[in-house]
């Protein structure tokens, strides 16, 4: 009985690994898939950024990318405010992250080093995180307390898949 349970457990793990590899095939093939793009306004600066709304998109983020164009970035959207935590384990490019409250106010900006296992945790609950090239916020004079305008469609809970 013990061996049968071990075999079933091992098969379940292998099936999960297979599903994950299949789901990330584009990444494994070296061709990161772009997410849907959304226009946002960061302290008066108009941008179009990729949007990560699902659990899978949150996990993948900007990993395995070799570069990010000057005004490209990724907005992570969560169903509700919570303490957010990010790391850069498989991310090749240096990034800056802004943690953003539900009302659009930036509460924290941090720099993140490529391949680092350091965690970057929001100092309070946030609904969004915006990753841009390292130093982007500084170069564009964007600071904590500034506002990010996000289209109202994202505030509808049924539009967010997780």
Protein backbone atom coordinates (compact mmCIF):
# COMPACT_ATOMS: atom_id res chain seq x y z
CA UNK A 1 0.00 0.00 0.00
CA UNK A 2 2.84 2.38 0.89
CA UNK A 3 4.58 1.80 -2.46
CA UNK A 4 1.31 2.34 -4.33
CA UNK A 5 0.79 5.69 -2.59
CA UNK A 6 4.36 6.70 -3.37
CA UNK A 7 3.84 5.85 -7.05
CA UNK A 8 0.59 7.81 -7.19
CA UNK A 9 2.25 10.79 -5.51
CA UNK A 10 5.20 10.62 -7.92
CA UNK A 11 2.85 10.44 -10.92
CA UNK A 12 0.93 13.46 -9.62
CA UNK A 13 4.17 15.45 -9.28
CA UNK A 14 5.27 14.46 -12.80
CA UNK A 15 1.87 15.46 -14.18
CA UNK A 16 2.10 18.86 -12.48
CA UNK A 17 5.62 19.42 -13.82
CA UNK A 18 4.41 18.47 -17.30
CA UNK A 19 1.53 20.93 -17.10
CA UNK A 20 3.83 23.71 -15.91
CA UNK A 21 6.37 23.04 -18.67
CA UNK A 22 3.60 22.98 -21.25
CA UNK A 23 2.17 26.25 -19.90
CA UNK A 24 5.58 27.94 -20.07
CA UNK A 25 6.62 26.43 -23.43
CA UNK A 26 7.05 29.86 -25.06
CA UNK A 27 9.41 30.89 -22.29
CA UNK A 28 11.38 27.64 -22.46
CA UNK A 29 11.73 28.08 -26.22
CA UNK A 30 13.32 31.50 -25.60
CA UNK A 31 10.38 33.53 -26.94
CA UNK A 32 8.66 35.24 -24.00
CA UNK A 33 5.02 35.89 -24.77
CA UNK A 34 3.81 39.46 -24.32
CA UNK A 35 0.76 39.92 -22.14
CA UNK A 36 -2.16 42.16 -22.98
CA UNK A 37 -1.21 45.84 -23.07
CA UNK A 38 -2.99 48.62 -21.17
CA UNK A 39 -2.63 52.41 -21.34
CA UNK A 40 -1.88 53.97 -17.95
CA UNK A 41 -0.77 57.38 -16.74
CA UNK A 42 2.08 57.57 -14.23
CA UNK A 43 2.36 61.04 -12.67
CA UNK A 44 1.26 62.63 -15.96
CA UNK A 45 3.34 60.33 -18.20
CA UNK A 46 1.29 58.29 -20.69
CA UNK A 47 2.49 54.68 -21.03
CA UNK A 48 1.32 51.39 -22.48
CA UNK A 49 2.38 48.52 -20.25
CA UNK A 50 1.82 44.80 -20.19
CA UNK A 51 -0.72 43.65 -17.62
CA UNK A 52 -0.41 40.56 -15.42
CA UNK A 53 -3.75 39.60 -13.86
CA UNK A 54 -3.64 35.81 -13.51
CA UNK A 55 -1.64 33.71 -11.07
CA UNK A 56 0.45 32.33 -13.96
CA UNK A 57 1.17 35.83 -15.31
CA UNK A 58 2.16 36.99 -11.81
CA UNK A 59 4.61 34.10 -11.46
CA UNK A 60 6.20 34.62 -14.88
CA UNK A 61 6.32 38.43 -14.76
CA UNK A 62 9.29 39.75 -16.74
CA UNK A 63 11.45 36.64 -16.25
CA UNK A 64 13.65 35.42 -19.11
CA UNK A 65 13.58 38.77 -20.95
CA UNK A 66 16.88 40.09 -22.26
CA UNK A 67 15.72 43.70 -22.46
CA UNK A 68 12.84 46.05 -21.87
CA UNK A 69 12.31 49.08 -24.08
CA UNK A 70 12.72 52.47 -22.39
CA UNK A 71 9.04 53.07 -21.54
CA UNK A 72 7.89 49.44 -21.38
CA UNK A 73 6.89 47.79 -18.15
CA UNK A 74 4.47 45.41 -16.48
CA UNK A 75 1.53 46.25 -14.20
CA UNK A 76 0.64 43.47 -11.77
CA UNK A 77 -3.03 43.62 -10.80
CA UNK A 78 -4.37 41.80 -7.74
CA UNK A 79 -8.03 41.20 -6.83
CA UNK A 80 -7.74 43.21 -3.60
CA UNK A 81 -5.18 45.08 -1.56
CA UNK A 82 -2.68 42.92 0.31
CA UNK A 83 0.99 43.01 1.27
CA UNK A 84 2.82 42.25 -1.99
CA UNK A 85 6.16 40.48 -2.32
CA UNK A 86 8.41 40.21 -5.39
CA UNK A 87 11.82 38.72 -6.18
CA UNK A 88 14.08 38.51 -9.24
CA UNK A 89 15.27 34.89 -9.26
CA UNK A 90 15.07 34.32 -13.04
CA UNK A 91 14.83 37.93 -14.16
CA UNK A 92 17.76 38.99 -16.33
CA UNK A 93 17.30 42.76 -16.40
CA UNK A 94 17.51 45.27 -13.51
CA UNK A 95 14.11 46.69 -12.61
CA UNK A 96 12.46 49.25 -10.37
CA UNK A 97 9.13 48.46 -8.78
CA UNK A 98 6.41 50.81 -7.54
CA UNK A 99 3.81 49.49 -5.10
CA UNK A 100 0.47 51.20 -5.69
CA UNK A 101 -2.64 51.50 -3.52
CA UNK A 102 -6.12 50.85 -4.92
CA UNK A 103 -6.65 54.61 -5.26
CA UNK A 104 -3.58 54.82 -7.54
CA UNK A 105 -1.19 56.41 -5.02
CA UNK A 106 2.41 55.15 -5.17
CA UNK A 107 3.43 54.12 -1.66
CA UNK A 108 6.89 52.71 -2.29
CA UNK A 109 9.55 52.52 -5.02
CA UNK A 110 12.49 50.10 -4.90
CA UNK A 111 15.30 48.95 -7.19
CA UNK A 112 15.65 45.22 -7.86
CA UNK A 113 18.82 43.41 -8.99
CA UNK A 114 18.78 40.70 -11.68
CA UNK A 115 18.79 37.06 -10.47
CA UNK A 116 18.49 38.18 -6.84
CA UNK A 117 16.66 36.11 -4.25
CA UNK A 118 16.09 39.23 -2.13
CA UNK A 119 12.41 39.85 -1.53
CA UNK A 120 10.86 43.27 -2.09
CA UNK A 121 7.82 43.56 0.16
CA UNK A 122 5.33 46.41 0.18
CA UNK A 123 5.43 48.29 3.48
CA UNK A 124 1.64 48.33 3.50
CA UNK A 125 -1.19 46.75 1.55
CA UNK A 126 -1.23 47.51 -2.18
CA UNK A 127 -3.42 46.47 -5.11
CA UNK A 128 -0.91 47.00 -7.93
CA UNK A 129 2.80 46.78 -8.61
CA UNK A 130 4.45 48.42 -11.61
CA UNK A 131 7.81 47.11 -12.82
CA UNK A 132 9.86 49.35 -15.12
CA UNK A 133 13.52 49.48 -16.15
CA UNK A 134 15.77 50.18 -13.17
CA UNK A 135 15.90 53.92 -12.53
CA UNK A 136 12.86 54.75 -14.69
CA UNK A 137 10.96 56.36 -11.80
CA UNK A 138 13.99 58.45 -10.78
CA UNK A 139 14.74 59.58 -14.36
CA UNK A 140 11.11 60.65 -14.83
CA UNK A 141 10.93 62.32 -11.41
CA UNK A 142 8.17 59.94 -10.23
CA UNK A 143 8.04 59.71 -6.44
CA UNK A 144 6.13 58.10 -3.61
CA UNK A 145 2.82 59.94 -3.26
CA UNK A 146 2.45 60.45 -7.03
CA UNK A 147 -0.58 58.91 -8.73
CA UNK A 148 -0.99 56.20 -11.34
CA UNK A 149 -4.22 56.35 -13.34
CA UNK A 150 -5.45 52.90 -14.34
CA UNK A 151 -8.53 52.38 -16.57
CA UNK A 152 -11.67 51.81 -14.53
CA UNK A 153 -12.35 48.49 -16.29
CA UNK A 154 -9.66 46.92 -14.09
CA UNK A 155 -11.57 47.86 -10.96
CA UNK A 156 -14.37 45.49 -11.92
CA UNK A 157 -13.68 42.29 -10.01
CA UNK A 158 -15.04 40.06 -12.77
CA UNK A 159 -12.36 41.38 -15.17
CA UNK A 160 -9.60 39.97 -12.95
CA UNK A 161 -9.09 36.23 -13.34
CA UNK A 162 -7.55 35.30 -10.00
